């Protein structure tokens, strides 16, 4: 991969182990994998129309935002 040799990758790996500890690395890798999986799922769902993009869902969102009170301002003399 590029200009990195095996010794460079070993140094990077040693730094990662020192920073996170050997016990945390599998948890870190698992959470990164879950994040990537979730991201791919959201990107796939974005392309497909879902129930949340129906007109009824938009009406629900609009009605929820119209019930917000506006802050009252005082007139400055």
C-alpha atoms as a PDB file:
ATOM      1  CA  UNK A   1       0.000   0.000   0.000  1.00  0.00           C
ATOM      2  CA  UNK A   2       1.772   3.069  -1.192  1.00  0.00           C
ATOM      3  CA  UNK A   3       5.131   3.880   0.332  1.00  0.00           C
ATOM      4  CA  UNK A   4       4.488   2.025   3.606  1.00  0.00           C
ATOM      5  CA  UNK A   5       6.643  -1.017   4.151  1.00  0.00           C
ATOM      6  CA  UNK A   6       6.036  -3.861   6.578  1.00  0.00           C
ATOM      7  CA  UNK A   7       8.145  -2.186   9.252  1.00  0.00           C
ATOM      8  CA  UNK A   8       5.999   0.957   9.024  1.00  0.00           C
ATOM      9  CA  UNK A   9       2.828  -1.071   9.531  1.00  0.00           C
ATOM     10  CA  UNK A  10       4.385  -2.861  12.522  1.00  0.00           C
ATOM     11  CA  UNK A  11       5.236   0.470  14.131  1.00  0.00           C
ATOM     12  CA  UNK A  12       1.684   1.731  13.556  1.00  0.00           C
ATOM     13  CA  UNK A  13       0.298  -1.490  15.042  1.00  0.00           C
ATOM     14  CA  UNK A  14       2.558  -1.159  18.102  1.00  0.00           C
ATOM     15  CA  UNK A  15       1.373   2.420  18.662  1.00  0.00           C
ATOM     16  CA  UNK A  16      -2.265   1.346  18.395  1.00  0.00           C
ATOM     17  CA  UNK A  17      -1.702  -1.443  20.923  1.00  0.00           C
ATOM     18  CA  UNK A  18       0.010   0.994  23.291  1.00  0.00           C
ATOM     19  CA  UNK A  19      -2.790   3.554  22.967  1.00  0.00           C
ATOM     20  CA  UNK A  20      -5.798   1.278  23.242  1.00  0.00           C
ATOM     21  CA  UNK A  21      -4.466  -1.858  24.902  1.00  0.00           C
ATOM     22  CA  UNK A  22      -4.677  -5.370  23.549  1.00  0.00           C
ATOM     23  CA  UNK A  23      -8.059  -6.047  25.200  1.00  0.00           C
ATOM     24  CA  UNK A  24      -9.796  -3.021  23.661  1.00  0.00           C
ATOM     25  CA  UNK A  25      -8.719  -3.609  20.057  1.00  0.00           C
ATOM     26  CA  UNK A  26     -11.324  -6.337  19.287  1.00  0.00           C
ATOM     27  CA  UNK A  27     -14.081  -4.130  20.754  1.00  0.00           C
ATOM     28  CA  UNK A  28     -12.823  -1.186  18.733  1.00  0.00           C
ATOM     29  CA  UNK A  29     -12.773  -3.245  15.533  1.00  0.00           C
ATOM     30  CA  UNK A  30     -16.278  -4.561  16.267  1.00  0.00           C
ATOM     31  CA  UNK A  31     -17.683  -1.076  16.808  1.00  0.00           C
ATOM     32  CA  UNK A  32     -16.031   0.193  13.623  1.00  0.00           C
ATOM     33  CA  UNK A  33     -17.522  -2.740  11.714  1.00  0.00           C
ATOM     34  CA  UNK A  34     -20.986  -2.055  13.141  1.00  0.00           C
ATOM     35  CA  UNK A  35     -20.655   1.607  12.211  1.00  0.00           C
ATOM     36  CA  UNK A  36     -19.720   0.766   8.631  1.00  0.00           C
ATOM     37  CA  UNK A  37     -22.560  -1.766   8.439  1.00  0.00           C
ATOM     38  CA  UNK A  38     -25.061   0.808   9.731  1.00  0.00           C
ATOM     39  CA  UNK A  39     -23.760   3.433   7.322  1.00  0.00           C
ATOM     40  CA  UNK A  40     -24.128   1.093   4.355  1.00  0.00           C
ATOM     41  CA  UNK A  41     -27.650   0.158   5.493  1.00  0.00           C
ATOM     42  CA  UNK A  42     -28.676   3.815   5.749  1.00  0.00           C
ATOM     43  CA  UNK A  43     -27.232   4.573   2.327  1.00  0.00           C
ATOM     44  CA  UNK A  44     -29.126   1.612   0.868  1.00  0.00           C
ATOM     45  CA  UNK A  45     -32.348   2.674   2.629  1.00  0.00           C
ATOM     46  CA  UNK A  46     -31.955   6.238   1.392  1.00  0.00           C
ATOM     47  CA  UNK A  47     -32.173   5.056  -2.204  1.00  0.00           C
ATOM     48  CA  UNK A  48     -35.341   3.022  -1.582  1.00  0.00           C
ATOM     49  CA  UNK A  49     -38.625   4.771  -0.724  1.00  0.00           C
ATOM     50  CA  UNK A  50     -39.824   3.816   2.731  1.00  0.00           C
ATOM     51  CA  UNK A  51     -42.896   4.402   4.860  1.00  0.00           C
ATOM     52  CA  UNK A  52     -41.209   7.396   6.484  1.00  0.00           C
ATOM     53  CA  UNK A  53     -41.213   9.235   3.146  1.00  0.00           C
ATOM     54  CA  UNK A  54     -44.975   8.946   2.643  1.00  0.00           C
ATOM     55  CA  UNK A  55     -47.101  12.112   2.606  1.00  0.00           C
ATOM     56  CA  UNK A  56     -48.662  11.088   5.934  1.00  0.00           C
ATOM     57  CA  UNK A  57     -45.226  11.118   7.556  1.00  0.00           C
ATOM     58  CA  UNK A  58     -44.562  14.605   6.177  1.00  0.00           C
ATOM     59  CA  UNK A  59     -47.894  15.831   7.557  1.00  0.00           C
ATOM     60  CA  UNK A  60     -46.960  14.438  10.966  1.00  0.00           C
ATOM     61  CA  UNK A  61     -43.629  16.271  10.892  1.00  0.00           C
ATOM     62  CA  UNK A  62     -45.253  19.512   9.740  1.00  0.00           C
ATOM     63  CA  UNK A  63     -47.865  19.383  12.488  1.00  0.00           C
ATOM     64  CA  UNK A  64     -45.182  18.713  15.073  1.00  0.00           C
ATOM     65  CA  UNK A  65     -43.159  21.725  13.968  1.00  0.00           C
ATOM     66  CA  UNK A  66     -46.130  24.110  13.835  1.00  0.00           C
ATOM     67  CA  UNK A  67     -46.914  23.570  17.526  1.00  0.00           C
ATOM     68  CA  UNK A  68     -43.621  25.133  18.612  1.00  0.00           C
ATOM     69  CA  UNK A  69     -44.066  28.352  20.538  1.00  0.00           C
ATOM     70  CA  UNK A  70     -42.195  31.368  19.293  1.00  0.00           C
ATOM     71  CA  UNK A  71     -40.268  33.306  21.921  1.00  0.00           C
ATOM     72  CA  UNK A  72     -41.903  36.555  22.900  1.00  0.00           C
ATOM     73  CA  UNK A  73     -39.771  39.620  22.430  1.00  0.00           C
ATOM     74  CA  UNK A  74     -40.046  42.804  24.369  1.00  0.00           C
ATOM     75  CA  UNK A  75     -39.992  46.113  22.624  1.00  0.00           C
ATOM     76  CA  UNK A  76     -36.999  48.237  23.376  1.00  0.00           C
ATOM     77  CA  UNK A  77     -37.635  51.900  24.044  1.00  0.00           C
END
